[in-house]
Amino acid sequence: MDVLFERFAPAIRSLELPRIATPADIPDTFLLAREGRYSSYYLPFESVNRAARVVVVGISPGFAQWKIATGEAQRQLAAGASVDDTLRAARRTGAFSGAIRPNFVALLDAIGVQRWLGIASCSSLFGEDAPLVHIGAILRHSVFVDGKNYSGTPAMHKQAFLREEVLRYFAHEAQALPKALYIPMGASVSEGLDWLAAQGVLRPNRILHGLPHPSGANAERVAYFLGRKERAALSAKTNGDQIDAARARLLAQMAALGG
């Protein structure tokens, strides 16, 4: 049994989840660390898919994800599931569900990740080829700043508490997956992965920088990256040159990797 899970399983079993409405309501029995404005709370995300060839890296599980994953772990424990099955189920909950998934699949296919993996499309990463992907976060556990979800400010490599969280948890995941491709979801995650590469934890050529975030709020950038929107039709908020350069770099990177 994982040491952390063993420590927190009783708190998960006894948690009255409907009473938890804000991060401030999370019991201190889940507290991992606190320093000034910063606090981190345990989340049952210790399962690492060691067969994965693609690692999708978010920033930090927010409060909503904390409730979903902890609730799933509670259900699994109540049903008598094994520790491994409980942790796998908790990690999977809510991963790239809804409208974000087709955008994400299309972006990966556009740069040739499916060819590098030897599959027809990255859509199967959410089905039959799920063993090829690991969904993670550079801050594995839920981190709050002044009681709110950490959103990338300050930069994690510039703040001691956040650096320690990255090194203590995510760096160990990365060391278990040295041959995988790492896909950062957002600029702050990209900065964090570059910092880890500078520490020798990751290989720089394995980090796929520059994909637009696949959320609906980023629809125009995604559409232009995929060739679904003409350059002349872009709004002033979208930098076509920047997207063109990122696409060219990613295609060249995948070609160098054999994709």
Protein backbone atom coordinates (compact mmCIF):
# COMPACT_ATOMS: atom_id res chain seq x y z
CA MET A 1 0.00 0.00 0.00
CA ASP A 2 1.24 3.48 -0.85
CA VAL A 3 2.50 5.28 2.24
CA LEU A 4 0.50 8.46 1.58
CA PHE A 5 -2.68 6.62 0.71
CA GLU A 6 -2.36 4.51 3.85
CA ARG A 7 -2.09 7.71 5.86
CA PHE A 8 -5.11 9.42 4.27
CA ALA A 9 -7.49 6.50 3.59
CA PRO A 10 -9.27 6.84 6.98
CA ALA A 11 -9.93 10.54 6.28
CA ILE A 12 -11.29 9.68 2.83
CA ARG A 13 -13.61 7.01 4.25
CA SER A 14 -15.06 9.28 6.93
CA LEU A 15 -15.27 12.49 4.88
CA GLU A 16 -18.72 14.11 4.71
CA LEU A 17 -18.24 15.32 1.15
CA PRO A 18 -21.54 17.25 0.79
CA ARG A 19 -20.36 19.53 3.59
CA ILE A 20 -17.25 20.59 1.64
CA ALA A 21 -18.29 23.69 -0.32
CA THR A 22 -15.01 25.64 -0.54
CA PRO A 23 -11.29 24.91 -0.13
CA ALA A 24 -11.54 26.34 3.40
CA ASP A 25 -13.90 23.49 4.28
CA ILE A 26 -11.34 20.77 3.50
CA PRO A 27 -10.41 19.19 6.85
CA ASP A 28 -6.85 19.58 8.06
CA THR A 29 -6.62 15.79 8.06
CA PHE A 30 -5.95 16.20 4.31
CA LEU A 31 -3.30 18.90 4.73
CA LEU A 32 0.11 18.01 3.30
CA ALA A 33 1.92 21.31 3.78
CA ARG A 34 1.26 24.94 4.56
CA GLU A 35 3.51 27.97 4.35
CA GLY A 36 2.23 31.53 4.45
CA ARG A 37 -0.29 32.02 1.65
CA TYR A 38 0.26 28.50 0.27
CA SER A 39 -1.28 25.18 1.21
CA SER A 40 -1.46 21.76 -0.42
CA TYR A 41 -4.03 19.06 0.27
CA TYR A 42 -3.75 15.35 -0.39
CA LEU A 43 -5.43 13.96 -3.48
CA PRO A 44 -5.38 10.20 -4.28
CA PHE A 45 -3.43 10.71 -7.51
CA GLU A 46 -0.49 8.43 -6.71
CA SER A 47 -1.24 5.91 -9.45
CA VAL A 48 1.40 6.18 -12.22
CA ASN A 49 0.89 4.42 -15.53
CA ARG A 50 4.45 3.21 -16.09
CA ALA A 51 3.62 1.92 -19.58
CA ALA A 52 2.59 5.41 -20.77
CA ARG A 53 4.30 6.96 -23.78
CA VAL A 54 2.44 10.27 -23.55
CA VAL A 55 2.11 12.32 -20.36
CA VAL A 56 -0.45 15.12 -20.35
CA VAL A 57 0.55 17.67 -17.72
CA GLY A 58 -1.93 20.06 -16.18
CA ILE A 59 -1.08 22.69 -13.61
CA SER A 60 -2.73 21.54 -10.37
CA PRO A 61 -6.00 19.78 -9.54
CA GLY A 62 -8.35 22.54 -8.46
CA PHE A 63 -10.99 22.36 -5.78
CA ALA A 64 -13.61 20.86 -8.13
CA GLN A 65 -11.21 18.10 -9.14
CA TRP A 66 -10.32 17.52 -5.49
CA LYS A 67 -13.98 16.86 -4.69
CA ILE A 68 -14.53 14.61 -7.73
CA ALA A 69 -11.42 12.49 -7.22
CA THR A 70 -11.78 12.21 -3.44
CA GLY A 71 -15.43 11.26 -3.86
CA GLU A 72 -14.48 8.57 -6.38
CA ALA A 73 -11.86 7.17 -3.99
CA GLN A 74 -14.45 7.13 -1.23
CA ARG A 75 -16.89 5.18 -3.45
CA GLN A 76 -14.19 2.70 -4.45
CA LEU A 77 -13.19 2.08 -0.83
CA ALA A 78 -16.81 1.63 0.20
CA ALA A 79 -17.23 -0.94 -2.57
CA GLY A 80 -14.23 -2.91 -1.34
CA ALA A 81 -11.93 -2.08 -4.26
CA SER A 82 -8.22 -2.71 -3.96
CA VAL A 83 -5.82 0.14 -3.30
CA ASP A 84 -4.48 -0.02 -6.88
CA ASP A 85 -7.97 0.03 -8.38
CA THR A 86 -9.02 2.87 -6.09
CA LEU A 87 -6.05 5.01 -7.05
CA ARG A 88 -6.46 4.30 -10.77
CA ALA A 89 -10.16 5.19 -10.64
CA ALA A 90 -9.50 8.41 -8.71
CA ARG A 91 -6.83 9.47 -11.21
CA ARG A 92 -9.11 8.81 -14.18
CA THR A 93 -12.15 10.75 -12.99
CA GLY A 94 -12.97 13.79 -15.08
CA ALA A 95 -9.84 13.57 -17.22
CA PHE A 96 -10.43 15.52 -20.42
CA SER A 97 -14.16 14.98 -20.47
CA GLY A 98 -16.66 16.98 -22.51
CA ALA A 99 -15.79 19.36 -25.36
CA ILE A 100 -12.10 19.58 -24.45
CA ARG A 101 -11.41 16.00 -25.57
CA PRO A 102 -12.07 16.27 -29.35
CA ASN A 103 -9.98 19.45 -29.54
CA PHE A 104 -7.15 17.75 -27.69
CA VAL A 105 -7.27 14.68 -29.94
CA ALA A 106 -7.31 16.84 -33.09
CA LEU A 107 -4.28 18.84 -31.91
CA LEU A 108 -2.24 15.73 -31.16
CA ASP A 109 -3.19 14.12 -34.48
CA ALA A 110 -2.31 17.34 -36.34
CA ILE A 111 1.35 17.14 -35.27
CA GLY A 112 1.67 13.37 -35.71
CA VAL A 113 1.59 12.01 -32.18
CA GLN A 114 -0.62 9.15 -33.37
CA ARG A 115 2.02 8.11 -35.93
CA TRP A 116 4.74 8.21 -33.27
CA LEU A 117 2.57 5.94 -31.12
CA GLY A 118 1.69 3.66 -34.03
CA ILE A 119 -2.08 4.13 -33.69
CA ALA A 120 -4.72 5.43 -36.10
CA SER A 121 -5.77 8.41 -33.97
CA CYS A 122 -5.16 9.76 -30.48
CA SER A 123 -8.90 9.37 -29.87
CA SER A 124 -8.15 5.78 -28.85
CA LEU A 125 -6.04 7.08 -25.95
CA PHE A 126 -9.37 7.52 -24.17
CA GLY A 127 -10.46 3.99 -25.04
CA GLU A 128 -8.58 0.90 -26.13
CA ASP A 129 -5.17 2.59 -26.07
CA ALA A 130 -5.58 4.19 -22.64
CA PRO A 131 -2.48 2.32 -21.35
CA LEU A 132 -0.39 4.60 -23.59
CA VAL A 133 -1.30 7.82 -21.78
CA HIS A 134 -0.80 9.18 -18.28
CA ILE A 135 -2.81 12.20 -17.12
CA GLY A 136 -0.88 14.17 -14.55
CA ALA A 137 -0.30 17.60 -13.04
CA ILE A 138 3.00 19.30 -12.37
CA LEU A 139 1.58 20.03 -8.89
CA ARG A 140 0.15 16.58 -8.17
CA HIS A 141 -1.91 17.55 -5.14
CA SER A 142 -4.35 20.45 -4.85
CA VAL A 143 -2.49 23.67 -4.16
CA PHE A 144 -4.29 26.78 -2.99
CA VAL A 145 -3.02 30.35 -2.69
CA ASP A 146 -4.95 32.45 -0.21
CA GLY A 147 -7.61 29.74 -0.28
CA LYS A 148 -8.04 29.84 -4.08
CA ASN A 149 -6.88 27.47 -6.82
CA TYR A 150 -3.26 28.07 -7.87
CA SER A 151 -3.43 29.45 -11.42
CA GLY A 152 0.23 29.86 -12.36
CA THR A 153 1.16 33.05 -10.49
CA PRO A 154 3.76 33.30 -9.11
CA ALA A 155 5.75 31.04 -11.42
CA MET A 156 6.22 27.76 -9.60
CA HIS A 157 9.97 27.54 -10.16
CA LYS A 158 10.40 30.95 -8.53
CA GLN A 159 8.61 30.11 -5.27
CA ALA A 160 10.18 27.72 -2.77
CA PHE A 161 6.94 26.08 -1.58
CA LEU A 162 5.83 25.34 -5.15
CA ARG A 163 9.27 24.12 -6.23
CA GLU A 164 9.28 21.65 -3.36
CA GLU A 165 5.82 20.36 -4.36
CA VAL A 166 7.00 19.81 -7.95
CA LEU A 167 10.19 18.03 -6.92
CA ARG A 168 8.61 15.90 -4.21
CA TYR A 169 5.80 14.49 -6.34
CA PHE A 170 5.80 15.17 -10.09
CA ALA A 171 9.56 14.79 -10.54
CA HIS A 172 9.32 11.22 -9.28
CA GLU A 173 6.55 10.47 -11.78
CA ALA A 174 8.70 11.89 -14.57
CA GLN A 175 11.71 9.79 -13.57
CA ALA A 176 9.51 6.70 -13.92
CA LEU A 177 8.58 7.73 -17.49
CA PRO A 178 11.84 8.88 -19.11
CA LYS A 179 10.91 7.92 -22.69
CA ALA A 180 7.45 9.50 -22.75
CA LEU A 181 6.40 12.67 -24.54
CA TYR A 182 5.31 15.46 -22.18
CA ILE A 183 2.47 17.74 -23.25
CA PRO A 184 2.16 20.87 -21.07
CA MET A 185 -1.32 22.33 -20.74
CA GLY A 186 -0.60 26.03 -20.56
CA ALA A 187 2.32 28.44 -20.40
CA SER A 188 2.98 28.11 -16.68
CA VAL A 189 3.25 24.33 -17.00
CA SER A 190 5.63 24.79 -19.95
CA GLU A 191 7.84 26.98 -17.77
CA GLY A 192 7.76 24.40 -15.01
CA LEU A 193 8.71 21.55 -17.34
CA ASP A 194 11.57 23.61 -18.77
CA TRP A 195 12.80 24.18 -15.22
CA LEU A 196 12.67 20.42 -14.57
CA ALA A 197 14.59 19.84 -17.79
CA ALA A 198 17.24 22.28 -16.56
CA GLN A 199 17.48 20.19 -13.38
CA GLY A 200 18.06 17.07 -15.48
CA VAL A 201 14.68 15.51 -14.65
CA LEU A 202 13.30 15.65 -18.23
CA ARG A 203 14.82 15.59 -21.70
CA PRO A 204 14.02 18.88 -23.49
CA ASN A 205 13.27 17.19 -26.81
CA ARG A 206 10.49 15.21 -25.14
CA ILE A 207 8.49 18.30 -24.16
CA LEU A 208 5.93 19.38 -26.78
CA HIS A 209 5.70 23.13 -26.26
CA GLY A 210 3.27 25.31 -28.16
CA LEU A 211 -0.01 23.40 -28.54
CA PRO A 212 -2.97 25.72 -27.88
CA HIS A 213 -4.90 24.78 -24.76
CA PRO A 214 -7.86 22.71 -26.02
CA SER A 215 -10.48 24.42 -23.84
CA GLY A 216 -13.51 26.04 -25.44
CA ALA A 217 -12.27 29.45 -24.30
CA ASN A 218 -9.33 29.00 -26.68
CA ALA A 219 -11.47 27.99 -29.68
CA GLU A 220 -10.04 30.50 -32.18
CA ARG A 221 -6.40 29.54 -31.54
CA VAL A 222 -7.27 25.86 -31.78
CA ALA A 223 -9.19 26.40 -35.04
CA TYR A 224 -6.31 28.34 -36.60
CA PHE A 225 -3.70 25.79 -35.47
CA LEU A 226 -5.79 23.05 -37.10
CA GLY A 227 -6.32 25.00 -40.32
CA ARG A 228 -10.04 25.38 -39.71
CA LYS A 229 -9.91 29.17 -39.73
CA GLU A 230 -8.21 31.47 -42.22
CA ARG A 231 -5.50 33.89 -41.16
CA ALA A 232 -7.49 36.87 -42.46
CA ALA A 233 -10.46 35.94 -40.23
CA LEU A 234 -8.51 36.00 -36.96
CA SER A 235 -9.44 38.51 -34.30
CA ALA A 236 -6.86 40.93 -32.89
CA LYS A 237 -6.43 38.79 -29.76
CA THR A 238 -4.95 35.88 -31.74
CA ASN A 239 -1.32 36.04 -32.86
CA GLY A 240 -1.18 34.08 -36.11
CA ASP A 241 2.60 34.38 -36.45
CA GLN A 242 3.10 32.87 -33.01
CA ILE A 243 0.79 29.94 -33.77
CA ASP A 244 2.43 29.33 -37.15
CA ALA A 245 5.87 29.25 -35.51
CA ALA A 246 4.69 26.87 -32.78
CA ARG A 247 3.11 24.53 -35.33
CA ALA A 248 6.29 24.46 -37.42
CA ARG A 249 8.45 23.73 -34.35
CA LEU A 250 6.18 20.91 -33.20
CA LEU A 251 6.05 19.28 -36.63
CA ALA A 252 9.85 19.44 -36.87
CA GLN A 253 10.19 18.05 -33.34
CA MET A 254 7.89 15.11 -34.05
CA ALA A 255 9.71 14.44 -37.33
CA ALA A 256 13.02 14.32 -35.44
CA LEU A 257 11.49 11.89 -32.95
CA GLY A 258 10.26 9.67 -35.75
CA GLY A 259 6.65 10.83 -35.81
